[in-house]
Amino acid sequence: MARILLVIPGINRGSDKFALRLAKELSEKYGYSFVIIGRWFSNDNKGYLYKLYDVNGNVIYGWYSDEKEDFLEFIERSGPYDLVHTHTATVALDGDLDAILNRIGKKPVIFTPHGSFVVRAFDREFLPFREEFYKNPKETLDTLIRKGARPGGYEEGGKNIEKILKDWWNKEDNRELLDAYTLEDSEFKYPWQKWWLLGFFKDLEERAMESSDIVVHVSNWINGMFNSIYGDKHRKKSLVIRDGIHYTEMLKDPKKYRIIREVAEFYKKIYGNSNRKWYIFIGAWEPEKGIYDLIKAYKIVKSKRKDVGLIIIGGTNNKRIKKYIEREGHKLKDVHLYSPLYKNSLNDLYLAGLLLALNELGIGVYVHPAWVEDFGLAPLEAAYIGLPVIAYNLGGPQEILVKNGLAVGVKPHSISDLSERMIEVVDNVRAYMNDKNRHIIERYFSFERVIKEYHRLYSSLIK
């Protein structure tokens, strides 16, 4: 039985869920055993820097930042390992990945980054440089780092970058976004205080790649972005294993489908009597995930159509974003929020049931105006259920959804175009449904395919 040391971010986001689901399936189908560790940038709210998980995502134990030696001893005792698979670059922080490999011996390392910290920074703190970056990724990044956008670079130009960022973020048109990206409990409260972030992120991703034998990406788009930024040192060890949805298997499981069916009937009673059609959004409540664009577009739609509503599913740790969504939702009316924040979150089965109900009633449209997305799992799941999908025509959603005829593409960052498409599709829901496209998703984007591809990869690396 091959033993794998698996590293996940440990922040309960999509990459964690993917990694844990993959580990569980590989364990059940092929007999792999896993030691699962969570590692993020800083301590979580319990003070842990490292966490030990089971394959169901339950935290078994934790180590504080001053217990690194105890952590490394545990890792060593829990071996021997045949392979290390990390789903986050954060394990390279403070030399932790190298320290682990020194303890357990040099083993094959797979790095699945689930996007790029560098790329995402240009849709967050470094928004003023976004357009320039997407035209010339490497040149823009290297120029900014050379001019001081790196740790220790303040006196070498970093203060000028800080000023550019501060001036941009404080423009009247950007104050709403500034409010969203202001972190009350952080040492770096405002975006411009992270002028050094690009160099930090690039160094982190490079260190993770250098320690890895294979770098796996979930789409050709994000693989191409890494190639543009890191060149041959990435290109020589990269491959693409596209993500996959587990709905294809879940809906075929009699026990799970029975629950989904019951949930769907429950939601049919709620939404079937609403005399409205509903837009749905699932994801983190962050501007770069499209939540602000969605609400702005919904505001335009609502001014023209009273018979529509908006269902927002997800959550945020940012109190300002939470207040914004609550405030706008209250003003616009017919906005339903499902989130752990309100203790009404939906697990996979209940979420599938809700989507199925809206699809069978012919009153649901999934909207995904993310600024940056390396794949687009949630809209793909909605498409598999049969719902029409609207997405910005960029990044992963363009590659996975729009080009495969699974979504209506919208001009990126255009609120007017987004609102027009939302009206067009909601007025013709059945014409845009994806019911006839399930075979495309089953063929190219099933989770079963992902499991097989990772099994082949593991087998090729384990001697």
Protein backbone atom coordinates (compact mmCIF):
# COMPACT_ATOMS: atom_id res chain seq x y z
CA MET A 1 0.00 0.00 0.00
CA ALA A 2 1.51 3.31 -1.10
CA ARG A 3 1.62 6.04 1.55
CA ILE A 4 1.16 9.68 0.59
CA LEU A 5 1.94 12.82 2.57
CA LEU A 6 -0.81 15.21 1.48
CA VAL A 7 -0.63 18.95 2.19
CA ILE A 8 -3.70 21.19 1.86
CA PRO A 9 -4.28 24.88 2.65
CA GLY A 10 -6.56 24.06 5.58
CA ILE A 11 -8.89 27.04 5.11
CA ASN A 12 -12.01 25.13 4.03
CA ARG A 13 -12.04 26.47 0.48
CA GLY A 14 -12.47 24.67 -2.83
CA SER A 15 -8.88 23.42 -3.02
CA ASP A 16 -9.25 21.74 0.39
CA LYS A 17 -12.48 20.04 -0.62
CA PHE A 18 -11.00 18.88 -3.92
CA ALA A 19 -7.86 17.48 -2.28
CA LEU A 20 -9.77 15.67 0.46
CA ARG A 21 -12.30 14.22 -1.97
CA LEU A 22 -9.47 13.05 -4.22
CA ALA A 23 -7.63 11.44 -1.31
CA LYS A 24 -10.75 9.64 -0.13
CA GLU A 25 -11.52 8.26 -3.58
CA LEU A 26 -7.92 7.20 -4.23
CA SER A 27 -7.87 5.49 -0.85
CA GLU A 28 -11.11 3.60 -1.49
CA LYS A 29 -10.47 2.66 -5.13
CA TYR A 30 -6.72 2.05 -5.21
CA GLY A 31 -5.69 1.47 -1.61
CA TYR A 32 -3.51 4.53 -1.04
CA SER A 33 -3.10 5.69 2.53
CA PHE A 34 -2.74 9.37 3.39
CA VAL A 35 -1.28 11.53 6.13
CA ILE A 36 -3.02 14.88 5.62
CA ILE A 37 -1.56 18.16 6.85
CA GLY A 38 -3.01 21.68 6.59
CA ARG A 39 -0.67 24.68 6.28
CA TRP A 40 -1.64 28.30 5.57
CA PHE A 41 0.14 31.65 5.82
CA SER A 42 -0.53 32.23 9.50
CA ASN A 43 -2.16 30.67 12.53
CA ASP A 44 -5.87 29.91 12.36
CA ASN A 45 -8.30 31.10 15.02
CA LYS A 46 -7.28 28.26 17.32
CA GLY A 47 -3.67 29.29 17.15
CA TYR A 48 -2.56 26.34 15.02
CA LEU A 49 -0.07 26.76 12.21
CA TYR A 50 -0.18 23.09 11.18
CA LYS A 51 -3.22 20.84 11.36
CA LEU A 52 -3.67 17.09 10.98
CA TYR A 53 -6.79 15.89 9.13
CA ASP A 54 -8.55 12.67 8.33
CA VAL A 55 -9.84 12.06 4.79
CA ASN A 56 -13.25 13.42 5.77
CA GLY A 57 -11.76 16.81 6.58
CA ASN A 58 -11.96 16.52 10.36
CA VAL A 59 -9.13 18.15 12.29
CA ILE A 60 -7.50 15.53 14.50
CA TYR A 61 -4.65 17.52 15.99
CA GLY A 62 -2.80 20.82 15.66
CA TRP A 63 0.63 22.31 16.25
CA TYR A 64 1.41 25.91 17.17
CA SER A 65 4.04 27.91 15.32
CA ASP A 66 6.62 27.25 18.06
CA GLU A 67 6.06 23.49 17.80
CA LYS A 68 7.64 23.02 14.39
CA GLU A 69 10.12 20.44 15.66
CA ASP A 70 7.30 18.38 17.20
CA PHE A 71 5.43 18.65 13.91
CA LEU A 72 8.42 17.44 11.89
CA GLU A 73 9.00 14.55 14.28
CA PHE A 74 5.38 13.48 13.85
CA ILE A 75 5.70 13.61 10.07
CA GLU A 76 8.84 11.49 10.23
CA ARG A 77 7.29 8.91 12.58
CA SER A 78 4.19 8.60 10.41
CA GLY A 79 6.19 7.45 7.40
CA PRO A 80 7.71 5.98 5.42
CA TYR A 81 6.18 7.78 2.45
CA ASP A 82 6.20 7.00 -1.23
CA LEU A 83 5.19 10.44 -2.44
CA VAL A 84 4.39 14.00 -1.32
CA HIS A 85 1.44 15.82 -2.88
CA THR A 86 0.87 19.46 -1.93
CA HIS A 87 -2.15 21.47 -3.00
CA THR A 88 -0.67 24.73 -1.73
CA ALA A 89 2.56 26.68 -2.11
CA THR A 90 2.36 27.75 1.55
CA VAL A 91 4.16 24.57 2.62
CA ALA A 92 7.30 26.18 1.14
CA LEU A 93 7.08 29.03 3.68
CA ASP A 94 9.98 29.24 6.13
CA GLY A 95 11.64 26.32 4.35
CA ASP A 96 9.02 23.90 5.69
CA LEU A 97 8.81 21.75 2.55
CA ASP A 98 12.58 21.35 2.43
CA ALA A 99 12.61 20.55 6.15
CA ILE A 100 9.96 17.86 5.62
CA LEU A 101 11.87 16.33 2.71
CA ASN A 102 15.07 16.33 4.76
CA ARG A 103 13.28 14.36 7.49
CA ILE A 104 11.51 11.80 5.31
CA GLY A 105 14.12 11.51 2.58
CA LYS A 106 13.85 12.77 -0.96
CA LYS A 107 10.52 11.63 -2.36
CA PRO A 108 8.69 12.52 -5.56
CA VAL A 109 6.73 15.75 -5.04
CA ILE A 110 3.58 16.80 -6.89
CA PHE A 111 2.50 20.43 -6.62
CA THR A 112 -1.12 21.26 -7.56
CA PRO A 113 -1.40 25.02 -6.95
CA HIS A 114 -5.10 25.57 -7.80
CA GLY A 115 -4.40 28.96 -9.34
CA SER A 116 -1.65 31.47 -8.67
CA PHE A 117 -1.12 33.86 -5.79
CA VAL A 118 0.72 36.15 -8.21
CA VAL A 119 -2.09 36.21 -10.78
CA ARG A 120 -4.73 36.72 -8.12
CA ALA A 121 -2.83 39.70 -6.68
CA PHE A 122 -3.48 41.60 -9.91
CA ASP A 123 -7.21 41.16 -9.33
CA ARG A 124 -6.89 42.30 -5.73
CA GLU A 125 -4.22 44.57 -4.25
CA PHE A 126 -2.56 45.38 -7.60
CA LEU A 127 -5.74 46.18 -9.52
CA PRO A 128 -4.25 49.37 -11.04
CA PHE A 129 -1.84 47.16 -13.00
CA ARG A 130 -4.34 44.46 -13.99
CA GLU A 131 -4.84 45.39 -17.64
CA GLU A 132 -1.11 45.78 -18.19
CA PHE A 133 -0.40 42.46 -16.47
CA TYR A 134 -2.78 40.39 -18.58
CA LYS A 135 -1.26 41.85 -21.75
CA ASN A 136 2.34 41.21 -20.67
CA PRO A 137 2.41 39.02 -17.53
CA LYS A 138 6.14 38.42 -17.10
CA GLU A 139 7.28 41.88 -18.16
CA THR A 140 4.78 43.64 -15.89
CA LEU A 141 5.55 41.42 -12.91
CA ASP A 142 9.33 41.60 -13.28
CA THR A 143 9.24 45.37 -13.76
CA LEU A 144 7.20 45.92 -10.60
CA ILE A 145 9.44 43.61 -8.57
CA ARG A 146 12.54 45.30 -9.92
CA LYS A 147 11.05 48.66 -8.94
CA GLY A 148 10.59 47.50 -5.35
CA ALA A 149 7.39 45.41 -5.10
CA ARG A 150 9.15 42.84 -2.94
CA PRO A 151 10.03 42.34 0.73
CA GLY A 152 12.82 44.72 1.68
CA GLY A 153 12.36 46.85 -1.43
CA TYR A 154 10.73 49.90 0.14
CA GLU A 155 13.69 52.25 -0.18
CA GLU A 156 14.50 50.90 -3.65
CA GLY A 157 11.21 52.01 -5.13
CA GLY A 158 8.63 50.19 -3.05
CA LYS A 159 7.46 53.46 -1.51
CA ASN A 160 6.67 54.78 -5.01
CA ILE A 161 4.61 51.68 -5.76
CA GLU A 162 2.86 52.13 -2.43
CA LYS A 163 1.98 55.70 -3.44
CA ILE A 164 0.64 54.63 -6.84
CA LEU A 165 -1.52 52.00 -5.18
CA LYS A 166 -2.72 54.37 -2.46
CA ASP A 167 -3.65 57.11 -4.94
CA TRP A 168 -5.59 54.65 -7.10
CA TRP A 169 -7.44 52.98 -4.24
CA ASN A 170 -8.47 56.33 -2.78
CA LYS A 171 -10.12 57.58 -5.96
CA GLU A 172 -13.82 58.14 -5.49
CA ASP A 173 -14.75 55.47 -8.06
CA ASN A 174 -12.74 52.87 -6.16
CA ARG A 175 -13.88 53.54 -2.62
CA GLU A 176 -16.42 50.74 -2.65
CA LEU A 177 -13.73 48.22 -3.58
CA LEU A 178 -11.39 49.74 -1.02
CA ASP A 179 -14.01 49.10 1.61
CA ALA A 180 -14.17 45.45 0.52
CA TYR A 181 -10.41 44.97 0.64
CA THR A 182 -9.87 46.75 3.96
CA LEU A 183 -9.02 44.13 6.58
CA GLU A 184 -9.81 45.36 10.07
CA ASP A 185 -7.90 42.68 11.96
CA SER A 186 -4.81 42.60 9.76
CA GLU A 187 -1.39 44.14 10.24
CA PHE A 188 -1.75 45.25 6.61
CA LYS A 189 -5.17 46.86 6.77
CA TYR A 190 -5.18 48.58 3.38
CA PRO A 191 -4.27 47.19 -0.07
CA TRP A 192 -1.40 49.65 -0.64
CA GLN A 193 0.31 48.41 2.52
CA LYS A 194 0.96 45.18 0.62
CA TRP A 195 3.20 46.88 -1.96
CA TRP A 196 5.76 44.08 -1.33
CA LEU A 197 3.37 41.21 -2.06
CA LEU A 198 4.33 40.42 -5.66
CA GLY A 199 7.92 39.54 -4.87
CA PHE A 200 6.82 37.51 -1.87
CA PHE A 201 4.29 35.51 -3.88
CA LYS A 202 6.62 34.93 -6.82
CA ASP A 203 9.37 33.68 -4.53
CA LEU A 204 6.92 31.39 -2.74
CA GLU A 205 5.60 29.82 -5.94
CA GLU A 206 9.11 29.43 -7.33
CA ARG A 207 10.29 27.65 -4.18
CA ALA A 208 7.32 25.27 -4.30
CA MET A 209 8.00 24.52 -7.97
CA GLU A 210 11.74 24.03 -7.46
CA SER A 211 11.07 21.41 -4.77
CA SER A 212 8.54 19.60 -6.98
CA ASP A 213 8.96 17.01 -9.69
CA ILE A 214 5.60 17.68 -11.32
CA VAL A 215 3.36 20.77 -11.28
CA VAL A 216 -0.27 19.93 -12.08
CA HIS A 217 -2.75 22.57 -13.21
CA VAL A 218 -6.52 22.30 -13.50
CA SER A 219 -6.83 24.16 -16.80
CA ASN A 220 -4.75 25.07 -19.83
CA TRP A 221 -5.35 28.72 -19.04
CA ILE A 222 -3.66 28.73 -15.65
CA ASN A 223 -0.91 26.47 -17.00
CA GLY A 224 -0.31 29.08 -19.69
CA MET A 225 -0.17 31.87 -17.11
CA PHE A 226 2.48 29.98 -15.14
CA ASN A 227 4.43 29.42 -18.36
CA SER A 228 4.26 33.14 -19.13
CA ILE A 229 5.52 34.08 -15.67
CA TYR A 230 8.05 31.35 -14.89
CA GLY A 231 9.16 30.15 -18.33
CA ASP A 232 11.05 26.91 -18.96
CA LYS A 233 11.67 26.06 -15.30
CA HIS A 234 7.92 25.61 -15.02
CA ARG A 235 7.15 24.40 -18.54
CA LYS A 236 9.50 21.41 -18.27
CA LYS A 237 7.69 19.92 -15.28
CA SER A 238 4.07 20.99 -15.80
CA LEU A 239 1.03 19.08 -16.96
CA VAL A 240 -2.72 19.64 -16.97
CA ILE A 241 -5.27 17.44 -15.24
CA ARG A 242 -8.52 19.27 -15.61
CA ASP A 243 -10.74 19.36 -12.58
CA GLY A 244 -13.93 17.31 -12.47
CA ILE A 245 -17.29 17.40 -10.74
CA HIS A 246 -18.55 14.69 -8.43
CA TYR A 247 -22.19 15.36 -9.36
CA THR A 248 -21.78 12.87 -12.20
CA GLU A 249 -21.31 10.10 -9.62
CA MET A 250 -23.46 11.60 -6.87
CA LEU A 251 -26.64 11.67 -8.95
CA LYS A 252 -26.13 8.03 -9.90
CA ASP A 253 -25.85 6.90 -6.28
CA PRO A 254 -29.36 5.65 -5.29
CA LYS A 255 -29.07 6.70 -1.63
CA LYS A 256 -27.69 10.14 -2.40
CA TYR A 257 -30.12 10.72 -5.25
CA ARG A 258 -33.06 9.87 -3.01
CA ILE A 259 -31.98 12.62 -0.61
CA ILE A 260 -31.38 15.06 -3.47
CA ARG A 261 -34.82 14.24 -4.86
CA GLU A 262 -36.49 14.89 -1.51
CA VAL A 263 -34.63 18.16 -1.10
CA ALA A 264 -35.60 19.20 -4.63
CA GLU A 265 -39.28 18.63 -3.88
CA PHE A 266 -38.92 20.73 -0.73
CA TYR A 267 -37.39 23.66 -2.63
CA LYS A 268 -39.94 23.34 -5.41
CA LYS A 269 -42.62 24.24 -2.88
CA ILE A 270 -40.66 27.30 -1.79
CA TYR A 271 -39.49 28.67 -5.12
CA GLY A 272 -42.26 27.27 -7.30
CA ASN A 273 -44.77 29.50 -5.53
CA SER A 274 -42.63 32.63 -5.66
CA ASN A 275 -43.79 33.78 -9.12
CA ARG A 276 -40.20 34.71 -9.86
CA LYS A 277 -37.21 33.50 -11.78
CA TRP A 278 -33.98 33.27 -9.84
CA TYR A 279 -30.34 34.04 -10.47
CA ILE A 280 -27.93 31.87 -8.49
CA PHE A 281 -24.37 32.52 -7.38
CA ILE A 282 -22.17 30.06 -5.46
CA GLY A 283 -18.73 30.97 -4.20
CA ALA A 284 -16.61 33.06 -1.88
CA TRP A 285 -18.05 36.50 -1.26
CA GLU A 286 -15.05 38.37 -2.62
CA PRO A 287 -14.97 41.02 -5.38
CA GLU A 288 -12.59 38.99 -7.55
CA LYS A 289 -15.06 36.10 -7.46
CA GLY A 290 -17.67 38.37 -9.03
CA ILE A 291 -20.01 39.08 -6.14
CA TYR A 292 -19.89 42.87 -6.56
CA ASP A 293 -20.37 42.71 -10.33
CA LEU A 294 -23.30 40.37 -9.80
CA ILE A 295 -25.04 42.66 -7.33
CA LYS A 296 -24.50 45.72 -9.53
CA ALA A 297 -25.89 43.89 -12.56
CA TYR A 298 -28.81 42.56 -10.52
CA LYS A 299 -29.59 46.12 -9.47
CA ILE A 300 -29.96 47.10 -13.15
CA VAL A 301 -32.03 44.01 -13.92
CA LYS A 302 -34.27 44.60 -10.90
CA SER A 303 -34.99 48.15 -12.06
CA LYS A 304 -36.42 46.68 -15.27
CA ARG A 305 -37.85 43.40 -14.06
CA LYS A 306 -39.66 42.95 -10.76
CA ASP A 307 -40.30 39.23 -11.22
CA VAL A 308 -36.71 38.12 -10.52
CA GLY A 309 -34.76 37.23 -7.41
CA LEU A 310 -31.18 36.44 -6.44
CA ILE A 311 -29.86 33.47 -4.45
CA ILE A 312 -26.35 33.94 -3.07
CA ILE A 313 -24.61 30.91 -1.55
CA GLY A 314 -21.21 31.05 0.13
CA GLY A 315 -19.62 33.24 2.76
CA THR A 316 -16.80 35.57 3.78
CA ASN A 317 -14.60 36.40 6.74
CA ASN A 318 -14.73 40.07 5.80
CA LYS A 319 -17.34 41.92 7.87
CA ARG A 320 -17.40 44.84 5.44
CA ILE A 321 -18.31 42.61 2.49
CA LYS A 322 -20.95 40.86 4.57
CA LYS A 323 -22.52 44.21 5.49
CA TYR A 324 -22.42 45.34 1.86
CA ILE A 325 -24.24 42.23 0.65
CA GLU A 326 -26.81 42.47 3.44
CA ARG A 327 -27.37 46.19 2.84
CA GLU A 328 -27.74 45.89 -0.93
CA GLY A 329 -29.84 42.76 -0.61
CA HIS A 330 -32.23 44.53 1.73
CA LYS A 331 -32.56 47.50 -0.63
CA LEU A 332 -32.98 45.45 -3.80
CA LYS A 333 -35.41 42.90 -2.31
CA ASP A 334 -35.84 39.24 -3.18
CA VAL A 335 -32.26 38.33 -2.25
CA HIS A 336 -31.82 35.02 -0.41
CA LEU A 337 -28.54 34.33 1.40
CA TYR A 338 -27.36 30.82 2.30
CA SER A 339 -24.19 30.76 4.38
CA PRO A 340 -22.56 29.41 7.54
CA LEU A 341 -22.76 33.05 8.63
CA TYR A 342 -26.52 32.59 9.05
CA LYS A 343 -26.40 28.92 10.04
CA ASN A 344 -28.32 27.91 6.92
CA SER A 345 -25.46 26.65 4.76
CA LEU A 346 -26.15 23.90 2.23
CA ASN A 347 -24.12 20.70 2.01
CA ASP A 348 -23.48 19.06 -1.36
CA LEU A 349 -26.72 17.09 -1.37
CA TYR A 350 -28.90 20.04 -0.39
CA LEU A 351 -27.16 22.29 -2.88
CA ALA A 352 -27.72 19.77 -5.66
CA GLY A 353 -31.36 19.51 -4.58
CA LEU A 354 -31.85 23.27 -4.77
CA LEU A 355 -30.25 23.49 -8.22
CA LEU A 356 -32.31 20.54 -9.43
CA ALA A 357 -35.53 22.14 -8.20
CA LEU A 358 -34.82 25.43 -9.97
CA ASN A 359 -33.89 23.59 -13.15
CA GLU A 360 -36.98 21.39 -13.22
CA LEU A 361 -39.17 24.42 -12.56
CA GLY A 362 -37.41 26.27 -15.38
CA ILE A 363 -36.79 29.32 -13.20
CA GLY A 364 -33.04 29.25 -12.48
CA VAL A 365 -30.04 30.94 -14.13
CA TYR A 366 -26.53 30.52 -12.75
CA VAL A 367 -24.35 33.67 -12.95
CA HIS A 368 -20.56 33.55 -12.53
CA PRO A 369 -18.86 36.90 -13.27
CA ALA A 370 -15.51 36.04 -11.66
CA TRP A 371 -12.56 38.30 -12.45
CA VAL A 372 -10.06 35.49 -12.00
CA GLU A 373 -10.87 31.78 -12.02
CA ASP A 374 -8.53 28.97 -12.96
CA PHE A 375 -11.33 26.46 -13.63
CA GLY A 376 -14.92 27.19 -12.62
CA LEU A 377 -16.18 24.17 -10.70
CA ALA A 378 -19.41 25.64 -9.28
CA PRO A 379 -20.79 26.86 -12.64
CA LEU A 380 -19.84 23.52 -14.21
CA GLU A 381 -21.83 21.71 -11.52
CA ALA A 382 -24.79 23.98 -12.20
CA ALA A 383 -24.50 23.25 -15.92
CA TYR A 384 -24.51 19.52 -15.22
CA ILE A 385 -27.76 19.87 -13.30
CA GLY A 386 -29.07 21.56 -16.46
CA LEU A 387 -29.20 25.23 -15.50
CA PRO A 388 -28.30 27.96 -17.97
CA VAL A 389 -24.96 29.55 -17.06
CA ILE A 390 -23.62 33.06 -17.66
CA ALA A 391 -19.90 33.70 -17.18
CA TYR A 392 -17.26 36.25 -18.00
CA ASN A 393 -15.45 35.25 -21.16
CA LEU A 394 -12.01 34.89 -19.62
CA GLY A 395 -9.73 32.47 -17.80
CA GLY A 396 -10.90 29.03 -16.80
CA PRO A 397 -14.64 29.65 -17.39
CA GLN A 398 -13.93 30.69 -20.97
CA GLU A 399 -11.93 27.51 -21.59
CA ILE A 400 -14.14 25.08 -19.70
CA LEU A 401 -17.63 26.52 -20.09
CA VAL A 402 -17.98 29.06 -22.88
CA LYS A 403 -15.89 27.24 -25.49
CA ASN A 404 -17.76 24.00 -24.80
CA GLY A 405 -21.15 25.63 -25.24
CA LEU A 406 -21.98 25.29 -21.55
CA ALA A 407 -22.26 29.00 -20.77
CA VAL A 408 -23.16 32.32 -22.32
CA GLY A 409 -19.99 34.39 -22.48
CA VAL A 410 -20.05 37.99 -21.34
CA LYS A 411 -17.56 40.78 -21.99
CA PRO A 412 -15.30 40.77 -18.90
CA HIS A 413 -15.91 43.51 -16.33
CA SER A 414 -18.84 44.96 -18.28
CA ILE A 415 -21.76 45.40 -15.89
CA SER A 416 -24.01 46.63 -18.69
CA ASP A 417 -23.28 43.58 -20.86
CA LEU A 418 -23.73 41.30 -17.87
CA SER A 419 -27.12 42.78 -16.99
CA GLU A 420 -28.27 42.54 -20.62
CA ARG A 421 -27.33 38.87 -20.81
CA MET A 422 -29.01 38.20 -17.48
CA ILE A 423 -32.27 39.62 -18.84
CA GLU A 424 -31.90 37.81 -22.16
CA VAL A 425 -31.32 34.42 -20.56
CA VAL A 426 -33.92 34.74 -17.80
CA ASP A 427 -36.51 35.60 -20.45
CA ASN A 428 -35.59 32.44 -22.36
CA VAL A 429 -34.53 30.03 -19.64
CA ARG A 430 -35.51 26.81 -21.37
CA ALA A 431 -33.73 27.80 -24.58
CA TYR A 432 -30.45 28.18 -22.68
CA MET A 433 -30.75 25.10 -20.46
CA ASN A 434 -27.85 22.65 -20.38
CA ASP A 435 -29.94 19.47 -20.08
CA LYS A 436 -28.74 18.26 -23.48
CA ASN A 437 -25.09 18.98 -22.65
CA ARG A 438 -24.62 16.57 -19.76
CA HIS A 439 -22.80 14.09 -21.98
CA ILE A 440 -20.08 16.69 -22.60
CA ILE A 441 -19.50 17.10 -18.87
CA GLU A 442 -19.63 13.36 -18.21
CA ARG A 443 -17.08 12.71 -20.94
CA TYR A 444 -14.57 15.44 -20.18
CA PHE A 445 -15.17 16.67 -16.63
CA SER A 446 -16.17 13.76 -14.41
CA PHE A 447 -14.39 13.31 -11.10
CA GLU A 448 -13.91 9.64 -11.98
CA ARG A 449 -11.61 10.75 -14.80
CA VAL A 450 -9.63 12.94 -12.37
CA ILE A 451 -9.15 10.00 -10.00
CA LYS A 452 -7.85 7.77 -12.80
CA GLU A 453 -5.45 10.43 -14.07
CA TYR A 454 -3.99 11.05 -10.62
CA HIS A 455 -3.69 7.31 -10.03
CA ARG A 456 -1.68 7.02 -13.25
CA LEU A 457 0.48 9.96 -12.18
CA TYR A 458 1.07 8.54 -8.70
CA SER A 459 1.91 5.13 -10.16
CA SER A 460 4.42 6.63 -12.60
CA LEU A 461 6.30 8.38 -9.78
CA ILE A 462 6.23 5.69 -7.11
CA LYS A 463 8.99 3.12 -7.49
